[in-house]
């Protein structure tokens, strides 16, 4: 499981790329995660601006103009910033 320093490193890495930008949508590739992912997540996020990327314990919080998106890296998870058109890998759960 990623420890607190890795979660903070992830937060610092993604914050500049996300803050002030808007979601173009969401593709859920795996619905069987720790908590159910809303089927309409794409509609909920489309066009919503990310206002802050923060951390509470090992949870990453994406503050938006519509609420907060809560994320946890799980046992071996990671967040990656990739160019458009990059093929999904075996364990990619959400784009």
PDB file of N, CA and C in Angstrom:
ATOM      1  N   UNK A   1       0.848  -1.175   0.000  1.00  0.00           N
ATOM      2  CA  UNK A   1       0.000   0.000   0.000  1.00  0.00           C
ATOM      3  C   UNK A   1       0.891   1.235   0.000  1.00  0.00           C
ATOM      4  N   UNK A   2       0.593   2.190  -0.866  1.00  0.00           N
ATOM      5  CA  UNK A   2       1.391   3.422  -0.844  1.00  0.00           C
ATOM      6  C   UNK A   2       1.301   4.078   0.531  1.00  0.00           C
ATOM      7  N   UNK A   3       2.443   4.475   1.037  1.00  0.00           N
ATOM      8  CA  UNK A   3       2.486   5.125   2.339  1.00  0.00           C
ATOM      9  C   UNK A   3       2.275   6.625   2.172  1.00  0.00           C
ATOM     10  N   UNK A   4       2.153   7.307   3.284  1.00  0.00           N
ATOM     11  CA  UNK A   4       1.839   8.736   3.270  1.00  0.00           C
ATOM     12  C   UNK A   4       2.792   9.569   2.401  1.00  0.00           C
ATOM     13  N   UNK A   5       4.107   9.339   2.454  1.00  0.00           N
ATOM     14  CA  UNK A   5       4.983  10.141   1.587  1.00  0.00           C
ATOM     15  C   UNK A   5       4.694   9.949   0.094  1.00  0.00           C
ATOM     16  N   UNK A   6       4.348   8.727  -0.318  1.00  0.00           N
ATOM     17  CA  UNK A   6       4.018   8.485  -1.727  1.00  0.00           C
ATOM     18  C   UNK A   6       2.712   9.167  -2.122  1.00  0.00           C
ATOM     19  N   UNK A   7       1.759   9.195  -1.210  1.00  0.00           N
ATOM     20  CA  UNK A   7       0.484   9.863  -1.493  1.00  0.00           C
ATOM     21  C   UNK A   7       0.720  11.370  -1.630  1.00  0.00           C
ATOM     22  N   UNK A   8       1.537  11.936  -0.759  1.00  0.00           N
ATOM     23  CA  UNK A   8       1.844  13.365  -0.840  1.00  0.00           C
ATOM     24  C   UNK A   8       2.626  13.678  -2.114  1.00  0.00           C
ATOM     25  N   UNK A   9       3.546  12.813  -2.490  1.00  0.00           N
ATOM     26  CA  UNK A   9       4.295  13.000  -3.738  1.00  0.00           C
ATOM     27  C   UNK A   9       3.348  12.972  -4.933  1.00  0.00           C
ATOM     28  N   UNK A  10       2.388  12.059  -4.919  1.00  0.00           N
ATOM     29  CA  UNK A  10       1.388  11.990  -5.990  1.00  0.00           C
ATOM     30  C   UNK A  10       0.571  13.273  -6.031  1.00  0.00           C
ATOM     31  N   UNK A  11       0.143  13.749  -4.870  1.00  0.00           N
ATOM     32  CA  UNK A  11      -0.646  14.984  -4.806  1.00  0.00           C
ATOM     33  C   UNK A  11       0.129  16.158  -5.410  1.00  0.00           C
ATOM     34  N   UNK A  12       1.377  16.286  -5.020  1.00  0.00           N
ATOM     35  CA  UNK A  12       2.196  17.395  -5.522  1.00  0.00           C
ATOM     36  C   UNK A  12       2.421  17.283  -7.036  1.00  0.00           C
ATOM     37  N   UNK A  13       2.514  16.067  -7.533  1.00  0.00           N
ATOM     38  CA  UNK A  13       2.763  15.870  -8.961  1.00  0.00           C
ATOM     39  C   UNK A  13       1.541  16.194  -9.814  1.00  0.00           C
ATOM     40  N   UNK A  14       0.344  15.837  -9.329  1.00  0.00           N
ATOM     41  CA  UNK A  14      -0.855  16.032 -10.157  1.00  0.00           C
ATOM     42  C   UNK A  14      -1.492  17.407  -9.981  1.00  0.00           C
ATOM     43  N   UNK A  15      -1.235  18.065  -8.856  1.00  0.00           N
ATOM     44  CA  UNK A  15      -1.891  19.352  -8.581  1.00  0.00           C
ATOM     45  C   UNK A  15      -1.692  20.384  -9.692  1.00  0.00           C
ATOM     46  N   UNK A  16      -0.471  20.631 -10.153  1.00  0.00           N
ATOM     47  CA  UNK A  16      -0.304  21.655 -11.200  1.00  0.00           C
ATOM     48  C   UNK A  16      -1.020  21.304 -12.506  1.00  0.00           C
ATOM     49  N   UNK A  17      -1.145  20.023 -12.787  1.00  0.00           N
ATOM     50  CA  UNK A  17      -1.791  19.611 -14.038  1.00  0.00           C
ATOM     51  C   UNK A  17      -3.313  19.648 -13.948  1.00  0.00           C
ATOM     52  N   UNK A  18      -3.867  19.610 -12.733  1.00  0.00           N
ATOM     53  CA  UNK A  18      -5.322  19.542 -12.580  1.00  0.00           C
ATOM     54  C   UNK A  18      -5.968  20.841 -12.115  1.00  0.00           C
ATOM     55  N   UNK A  19      -5.338  21.543 -11.199  1.00  0.00           N
ATOM     56  CA  UNK A  19      -5.961  22.738 -10.628  1.00  0.00           C
ATOM     57  C   UNK A  19      -6.202  23.792 -11.704  1.00  0.00           C
ATOM     58  N   UNK A  20      -7.430  24.292 -11.743  1.00  0.00           N
ATOM     59  CA  UNK A  20      -7.808  25.298 -12.721  1.00  0.00           C
ATOM     60  C   UNK A  20      -8.258  24.725 -14.056  1.00  0.00           C
ATOM     61  N   UNK A  21      -8.200  23.408 -14.200  1.00  0.00           N
ATOM     62  CA  UNK A  21      -8.639  22.759 -15.437  1.00  0.00           C
ATOM     63  C   UNK A  21      -9.988  22.071 -15.226  1.00  0.00           C
ATOM     64  N   UNK A  22     -10.640  21.750 -16.323  1.00  0.00           N
ATOM     65  CA  UNK A  22     -11.955  21.113 -16.268  1.00  0.00           C
ATOM     66  C   UNK A  22     -11.875  19.667 -16.746  1.00  0.00           C
ATOM     67  N   UNK A  23     -12.711  18.835 -16.146  1.00  0.00           N
ATOM     68  CA  UNK A  23     -12.835  17.451 -16.592  1.00  0.00           C
ATOM     69  C   UNK A  23     -13.505  17.424 -17.961  1.00  0.00           C
ATOM     70  N   UNK A  24     -13.008  16.585 -18.837  1.00  0.00           N
ATOM     71  CA  UNK A  24     -13.659  16.394 -20.139  1.00  0.00           C
ATOM     72  C   UNK A  24     -14.565  15.170 -20.101  1.00  0.00           C
ATOM     73  N   UNK A  25     -14.504  14.422 -19.023  1.00  0.00           N
ATOM     74  CA  UNK A  25     -15.338  13.241 -18.865  1.00  0.00           C
ATOM     75  C   UNK A  25     -14.602  12.207 -18.040  1.00  0.00           C
ATOM     76  N   UNK A  26     -15.184  11.034 -17.933  1.00  0.00           N
ATOM     77  CA  UNK A  26     -14.573   9.937 -17.180  1.00  0.00           C
ATOM     78  C   UNK A  26     -14.938   8.623 -17.851  1.00  0.00           C
ATOM     79  N   UNK A  27     -13.969   7.747 -17.931  1.00  0.00           N
ATOM     80  CA  UNK A  27     -14.198   6.391 -18.433  1.00  0.00           C
ATOM     81  C   UNK A  27     -13.897   5.444 -17.283  1.00  0.00           C
ATOM     82  N   UNK A  28     -14.914   4.727 -16.808  1.00  0.00           N
ATOM     83  CA  UNK A  28     -14.735   3.767 -15.722  1.00  0.00           C
ATOM     84  C   UNK A  28     -14.495   2.404 -16.357  1.00  0.00           C
ATOM     85  N   UNK A  29     -13.313   1.858 -16.161  1.00  0.00           N
ATOM     86  CA  UNK A  29     -12.947   0.568 -16.742  1.00  0.00           C
ATOM     87  C   UNK A  29     -13.183  -0.588 -15.777  1.00  0.00           C
ATOM     88  N   UNK A  30     -13.268  -0.297 -14.494  1.00  0.00           N
ATOM     89  CA  UNK A  30     -13.494  -1.331 -13.478  1.00  0.00           C
ATOM     90  C   UNK A  30     -14.438  -0.777 -12.419  1.00  0.00           C
ATOM     91  N   UNK A  31     -15.643  -1.306 -12.381  1.00  0.00           N
ATOM     92  CA  UNK A  31     -16.653  -0.819 -11.427  1.00  0.00           C
ATOM     93  C   UNK A  31     -16.535  -1.494 -10.063  1.00  0.00           C
ATOM     94  N   UNK A  32     -15.827  -2.613  -9.987  1.00  0.00           N
ATOM     95  CA  UNK A  32     -15.740  -3.373  -8.737  1.00  0.00           C
ATOM     96  C   UNK A  32     -14.555  -2.884  -7.897  1.00  0.00           C
ATOM     97  N   UNK A  33     -14.640  -1.682  -7.427  1.00  0.00           N
ATOM     98  CA  UNK A  33     -13.596  -1.124  -6.579  1.00  0.00           C
ATOM     99  C   UNK A  33     -14.054  -1.169  -5.125  1.00  0.00           C
ATOM    100  N   UNK A  34     -13.279  -0.591  -4.232  1.00  0.00           N
ATOM    101  CA  UNK A  34     -13.607  -0.630  -2.804  1.00  0.00           C
ATOM    102  C   UNK A  34     -15.009  -0.103  -2.532  1.00  0.00           C
ATOM    103  N   UNK A  35     -15.366   0.998  -3.157  1.00  0.00           N
ATOM    104  CA  UNK A  35     -16.709   1.553  -3.067  1.00  0.00           C
ATOM    105  C   UNK A  35     -17.265   1.622  -4.473  1.00  0.00           C
ATOM    106  N   UNK A  36     -18.559   1.480  -4.620  1.00  0.00           N
ATOM    107  CA  UNK A  36     -19.141   1.538  -5.973  1.00  0.00           C
ATOM    108  C   UNK A  36     -18.880   2.893  -6.639  1.00  0.00           C
ATOM    109  N   UNK A  37     -18.556   2.830  -7.910  1.00  0.00           N
ATOM    110  CA  UNK A  37     -18.356   4.046  -8.701  1.00  0.00           C
ATOM    111  C   UNK A  37     -19.688   4.369  -9.369  1.00  0.00           C
ATOM    112  N   UNK A  38     -20.193   5.588  -9.224  1.00  0.00           N
ATOM    113  CA  UNK A  38     -21.486   5.914  -9.839  1.00  0.00           C
ATOM    114  C   UNK A  38     -21.470   5.655 -11.349  1.00  0.00           C
ATOM    115  N   UNK A  39     -22.519   5.041 -11.840  1.00  0.00           N
ATOM    116  CA  UNK A  39     -22.621   4.746 -13.277  1.00  0.00           C
ATOM    117  C   UNK A  39     -22.612   6.034 -14.097  1.00  0.00           C
ATOM    118  N   UNK A  40     -23.067   7.122 -13.501  1.00  0.00           N
ATOM    119  CA  UNK A  40     -23.154   8.394 -14.215  1.00  0.00           C
ATOM    120  C   UNK A  40     -21.987   9.334 -13.868  1.00  0.00           C
ATOM    121  N   UNK A  41     -20.831   8.774 -13.466  1.00  0.00           N
ATOM    122  CA  UNK A  41     -19.678   9.594 -13.111  1.00  0.00           C
ATOM    123  C   UNK A  41     -19.261  10.508 -14.257  1.00  0.00           C
ATOM    124  N   UNK A  42     -19.323  10.008 -15.486  1.00  0.00           N
ATOM    125  CA  UNK A  42     -18.964  10.822 -16.648  1.00  0.00           C
ATOM    126  C   UNK A  42     -19.806  12.097 -16.699  1.00  0.00           C
ATOM    127  N   UNK A  43     -21.111  11.954 -16.517  1.00  0.00           N
ATOM    128  CA  UNK A  43     -22.000  13.125 -16.530  1.00  0.00           C
ATOM    129  C   UNK A  43     -21.731  14.055 -15.351  1.00  0.00           C
ATOM    130  N   UNK A  44     -21.431  13.483 -14.186  1.00  0.00           N
ATOM    131  CA  UNK A  44     -21.172  14.291 -12.997  1.00  0.00           C
ATOM    132  C   UNK A  44     -19.920  15.150 -13.146  1.00  0.00           C
ATOM    133  N   UNK A  45     -18.900  14.623 -13.823  1.00  0.00           N
ATOM    134  CA  UNK A  45     -17.622  15.322 -13.899  1.00  0.00           C
ATOM    135  C   UNK A  45     -17.448  16.201 -15.124  1.00  0.00           C
ATOM    136  N   UNK A  46     -18.142  15.904 -16.194  1.00  0.00           N
ATOM    137  CA  UNK A  46     -17.935  16.626 -17.455  1.00  0.00           C
ATOM    138  C   UNK A  46     -18.124  18.136 -17.264  1.00  0.00           C
ATOM    139  N   UNK A  47     -17.083  18.904 -17.590  1.00  0.00           N
ATOM    140  CA  UNK A  47     -17.139  20.358 -17.515  1.00  0.00           C
ATOM    141  C   UNK A  47     -16.881  20.951 -16.148  1.00  0.00           C
ATOM    142  N   UNK A  48     -16.678  20.116 -15.127  1.00  0.00           N
ATOM    143  CA  UNK A  48     -16.472  20.598 -13.760  1.00  0.00           C
ATOM    144  C   UNK A  48     -15.006  20.995 -13.581  1.00  0.00           C
ATOM    145  N   UNK A  49     -14.780  22.162 -12.969  1.00  0.00           N
ATOM    146  CA  UNK A  49     -13.420  22.661 -12.760  1.00  0.00           C
ATOM    147  C   UNK A  49     -12.829  22.131 -11.458  1.00  0.00           C
ATOM    148  N   UNK A  50     -11.564  21.721 -11.507  1.00  0.00           N
ATOM    149  CA  UNK A  50     -10.826  21.312 -10.308  1.00  0.00           C
ATOM    150  C   UNK A  50     -10.264  22.579  -9.673  1.00  0.00           C
ATOM    151  N   UNK A  51     -10.655  22.836  -8.431  1.00  0.00           N
ATOM    152  CA  UNK A  51     -10.218  24.052  -7.741  1.00  0.00           C
ATOM    153  C   UNK A  51      -9.048  23.803  -6.804  1.00  0.00           C
ATOM    154  N   UNK A  52      -8.889  22.558  -6.327  1.00  0.00           N
ATOM    155  CA  UNK A  52      -7.795  22.252  -5.404  1.00  0.00           C
ATOM    156  C   UNK A  52      -7.528  20.749  -5.392  1.00  0.00           C
ATOM    157  N   UNK A  53      -6.273  20.397  -5.199  1.00  0.00           N
ATOM    158  CA  UNK A  53      -5.891  18.999  -4.990  1.00  0.00           C
ATOM    159  C   UNK A  53      -5.254  18.944  -3.610  1.00  0.00           C
ATOM    160  N   UNK A  54      -5.941  18.280  -2.683  1.00  0.00           N
ATOM    161  CA  UNK A  54      -5.458  18.213  -1.308  1.00  0.00           C
ATOM    162  C   UNK A  54      -5.385  16.753  -0.879  1.00  0.00           C
ATOM    163  N   UNK A  55      -4.943  16.564   0.356  1.00  0.00           N
ATOM    164  CA  UNK A  55      -4.818  15.222   0.895  1.00  0.00           C
ATOM    165  C   UNK A  55      -5.325  15.230   2.323  1.00  0.00           C
ATOM    166  N   UNK A  56      -6.013  14.194   2.691  1.00  0.00           N
ATOM    167  CA  UNK A  56      -6.425  13.972   4.082  1.00  0.00           C
ATOM    168  C   UNK A  56      -6.023  12.543   4.395  1.00  0.00           C
ATOM    169  N   UNK A  57      -4.988  12.403   5.222  1.00  0.00           N
ATOM    170  CA  UNK A  57      -4.438  11.088   5.491  1.00  0.00           C
ATOM    171  C   UNK A  57      -3.961  10.495   4.161  1.00  0.00           C
ATOM    172  N   UNK A  58      -4.376   9.278   3.826  1.00  0.00           N
ATOM    173  CA  UNK A  58      -3.956   8.661   2.568  1.00  0.00           C
ATOM    174  C   UNK A  58      -4.979   8.842   1.451  1.00  0.00           C
ATOM    175  N   UNK A  59      -5.939   9.725   1.651  1.00  0.00           N
ATOM    176  CA  UNK A  59      -6.946  10.005   0.623  1.00  0.00           C
ATOM    177  C   UNK A  59      -6.561  11.262  -0.147  1.00  0.00           C
ATOM    178  N   UNK A  60      -6.720  11.209  -1.450  1.00  0.00           N
ATOM    179  CA  UNK A  60      -6.546  12.387  -2.289  1.00  0.00           C
ATOM    180  C   UNK A  60      -7.914  13.006  -2.508  1.00  0.00           C
ATOM    181  N   UNK A  61      -8.001  14.307  -2.361  1.00  0.00           N
ATOM    182  CA  UNK A  61      -9.270  15.015  -2.507  1.00  0.00           C
ATOM    183  C   UNK A  61      -9.144  16.011  -3.650  1.00  0.00           C
ATOM    184  N   UNK A  62      -9.999  15.861  -4.657  1.00  0.00           N
ATOM    185  CA  UNK A  62     -10.049  16.828  -5.742  1.00  0.00           C
ATOM    186  C   UNK A  62     -11.234  17.732  -5.471  1.00  0.00           C
ATOM    187  N   UNK A  63     -10.956  18.941  -5.009  1.00  0.00           N
ATOM    188  CA  UNK A  63     -12.005  19.921  -4.787  1.00  0.00           C
ATOM    189  C   UNK A  63     -12.450  20.463  -6.135  1.00  0.00           C
ATOM    190  N   UNK A  64     -13.744  20.516  -6.358  1.00  0.00           N
ATOM    191  CA  UNK A  64     -14.276  21.012  -7.624  1.00  0.00           C
ATOM    192  C   UNK A  64     -15.352  22.044  -7.355  1.00  0.00           C
ATOM    193  N   UNK A  65     -15.833  22.646  -8.416  1.00  0.00           N
ATOM    194  CA  UNK A  65     -16.918  23.618  -8.297  1.00  0.00           C
ATOM    195  C   UNK A  65     -18.241  22.931  -7.966  1.00  0.00           C
ATOM    196  N   UNK A  66     -18.282  21.613  -7.997  1.00  0.00           N
ATOM    197  CA  UNK A  66     -19.509  20.858  -7.728  1.00  0.00           C
ATOM    198  C   UNK A  66     -19.434  20.016  -6.461  1.00  0.00           C
ATOM    199  N   UNK A  67     -18.264  19.897  -5.857  1.00  0.00           N
ATOM    200  CA  UNK A  67     -18.098  19.058  -4.675  1.00  0.00           C
ATOM    201  C   UNK A  67     -16.679  18.524  -4.623  1.00  0.00           C
ATOM    202  N   UNK A  68     -16.487  17.412  -3.931  1.00  0.00           N
ATOM    203  CA  UNK A  68     -15.159  16.838  -3.762  1.00  0.00           C
ATOM    204  C   UNK A  68     -15.137  15.404  -4.266  1.00  0.00           C
ATOM    205  N   UNK A  69     -14.135  15.101  -5.070  1.00  0.00           N
ATOM    206  CA  UNK A  69     -13.918  13.745  -5.564  1.00  0.00           C
ATOM    207  C   UNK A  69     -12.889  13.099  -4.650  1.00  0.00           C
ATOM    208  N   UNK A  70     -13.262  11.993  -4.017  1.00  0.00           N
ATOM    209  CA  UNK A  70     -12.422  11.295  -3.058  1.00  0.00           C
ATOM    210  C   UNK A  70     -11.746  10.118  -3.755  1.00  0.00           C
ATOM    211  N   UNK A  71     -10.418  10.019  -3.613  1.00  0.00           N
ATOM    212  CA  UNK A  71      -9.679   8.924  -4.236  1.00  0.00           C
ATOM    213  C   UNK A  71      -8.718   8.305  -3.230  1.00  0.00           C
ATOM    214  N   UNK A  72      -8.516   7.000  -3.360  1.00  0.00           N
ATOM    215  CA  UNK A  72      -7.552   6.272  -2.535  1.00  0.00           C
ATOM    216  C   UNK A  72      -6.762   5.382  -3.471  1.00  0.00           C
ATOM    217  N   UNK A  73      -5.464   5.291  -3.261  1.00  0.00           N
ATOM    218  CA  UNK A  73      -4.619   4.515  -4.169  1.00  0.00           C
ATOM    219  C   UNK A  73      -4.681   3.014  -3.916  1.00  0.00           C
ATOM    220  N   UNK A  74      -5.368   2.596  -2.867  1.00  0.00           N
ATOM    221  CA  UNK A  74      -5.526   1.164  -2.620  1.00  0.00           C
ATOM    222  C   UNK A  74      -4.213   0.502  -2.235  1.00  0.00           C
ATOM    223  N   UNK A  75      -4.073  -0.760  -2.592  1.00  0.00           N
ATOM    224  CA  UNK A  75      -2.896  -1.525  -2.206  1.00  0.00           C
ATOM    225  C   UNK A  75      -1.654  -1.179  -3.034  1.00  0.00           C
ATOM    226  N   UNK A  76      -1.835  -0.957  -4.301  1.00  0.00           N
ATOM    227  CA  UNK A  76      -0.657  -0.691  -5.146  1.00  0.00           C
ATOM    228  C   UNK A  76      -0.977   0.303  -6.250  1.00  0.00           C
ATOM    229  N   UNK A  77      -1.938   1.174  -6.007  1.00  0.00           N
ATOM    230  CA  UNK A  77      -2.403   2.082  -7.040  1.00  0.00           C
ATOM    231  C   UNK A  77      -1.477   3.246  -7.324  1.00  0.00           C
ATOM    232  N   UNK A  78      -1.765   3.890  -8.440  1.00  0.00           N
ATOM    233  CA  UNK A  78      -1.009   5.070  -8.829  1.00  0.00           C
ATOM    234  C   UNK A  78      -1.898   5.931  -9.712  1.00  0.00           C
ATOM    235  N   UNK A  79      -1.530   7.186  -9.822  1.00  0.00           N
ATOM    236  CA  UNK A  79      -2.171   8.095 -10.763  1.00  0.00           C
ATOM    237  C   UNK A  79      -1.104   8.497 -11.757  1.00  0.00           C
ATOM    238  N   UNK A  80      -1.470   8.499 -13.034  1.00  0.00           N
ATOM    239  CA  UNK A  80      -0.504   8.848 -14.065  1.00  0.00           C
ATOM    240  C   UNK A  80      -1.102   9.894 -14.986  1.00  0.00           C
ATOM    241  N   UNK A  81      -0.281  10.834 -15.398  1.00  0.00           N
ATOM    242  CA  UNK A  81      -0.678  11.824 -16.390  1.00  0.00           C
ATOM    243  C   UNK A  81      -0.139  11.339 -17.728  1.00  0.00           C
ATOM    244  N   UNK A  82      -1.042  11.049 -18.661  1.00  0.00           N
ATOM    245  CA  UNK A  82      -0.662  10.472 -19.941  1.00  0.00           C
ATOM    246  C   UNK A  82      -1.202  11.304 -21.097  1.00  0.00           C
ATOM    247  N   UNK A  83      -0.546  11.267 -22.237  1.00  0.00           N
ATOM    248  CA  UNK A  83      -1.063  11.974 -23.412  1.00  0.00           C
ATOM    249  C   UNK A  83      -2.365  11.337 -23.908  1.00  0.00           C
ATOM    250  N   UNK A  84      -3.202  12.138 -24.556  1.00  0.00           N
ATOM    251  CA  UNK A  84      -4.417  11.604 -25.167  1.00  0.00           C
ATOM    252  C   UNK A  84      -4.062  10.460 -26.104  1.00  0.00           C
ATOM    253  N   UNK A  85      -4.919   9.470 -26.151  1.00  0.00           N
ATOM    254  CA  UNK A  85      -4.721   8.365 -27.073  1.00  0.00           C
ATOM    255  C   UNK A  85      -3.858   7.242 -26.529  1.00  0.00           C
ATOM    256  N   UNK A  86      -3.358   7.380 -25.294  1.00  0.00           N
ATOM    257  CA  UNK A  86      -2.555   6.309 -24.706  1.00  0.00           C
ATOM    258  C   UNK A  86      -3.463   5.120 -24.408  1.00  0.00           C
ATOM    259  N   UNK A  87      -3.028   3.943 -24.812  1.00  0.00           N
ATOM    260  CA  UNK A  87      -3.824   2.726 -24.597  1.00  0.00           C
ATOM    261  C   UNK A  87      -3.909   2.388 -23.112  1.00  0.00           C
ATOM    262  N   UNK A  88      -5.075   1.879 -22.707  1.00  0.00           N
ATOM    263  CA  UNK A  88      -5.271   1.464 -21.329  1.00  0.00           C
ATOM    264  C   UNK A  88      -4.458   0.190 -21.062  1.00  0.00           C
ATOM    265  N   UNK A  89      -3.928   0.094 -19.856  1.00  0.00           N
ATOM    266  CA  UNK A  89      -3.187  -1.093 -19.433  1.00  0.00           C
ATOM    267  C   UNK A  89      -4.110  -1.996 -18.626  1.00  0.00           C
ATOM    268  N   UNK A  90      -3.645  -3.185 -18.299  1.00  0.00           N
ATOM    269  CA  UNK A  90      -4.459  -4.200 -17.637  1.00  0.00           C
ATOM    270  C   UNK A  90      -5.118  -3.707 -16.345  1.00  0.00           C
ATOM    271  N   UNK A  91      -4.401  -2.962 -15.529  1.00  0.00           N
ATOM    272  CA  UNK A  91      -4.928  -2.563 -14.220  1.00  0.00           C
ATOM    273  C   UNK A  91      -5.364  -1.093 -14.175  1.00  0.00           C
ATOM    274  N   UNK A  92      -5.610  -0.485 -15.311  1.00  0.00           N
ATOM    275  CA  UNK A  92      -6.137   0.885 -15.342  1.00  0.00           C
ATOM    276  C   UNK A  92      -7.639   0.829 -15.074  1.00  0.00           C
ATOM    277  N   UNK A  93      -8.083   1.472 -14.004  1.00  0.00           N
ATOM    278  CA  UNK A  93      -9.487   1.391 -13.598  1.00  0.00           C
ATOM    279  C   UNK A  93     -10.307   2.591 -14.031  1.00  0.00           C
ATOM    280  N   UNK A  94      -9.674   3.739 -14.162  1.00  0.00           N
ATOM    281  CA  UNK A  94     -10.427   4.960 -14.440  1.00  0.00           C
ATOM    282  C   UNK A  94      -9.579   5.928 -15.274  1.00  0.00           C
ATOM    283  N   UNK A  95     -10.150   6.453 -16.317  1.00  0.00           N
ATOM    284  CA  UNK A  95      -9.504   7.505 -17.119  1.00  0.00           C
ATOM    285  C   UNK A  95     -10.294   8.781 -16.918  1.00  0.00           C
TER     286      UNK A  95
END
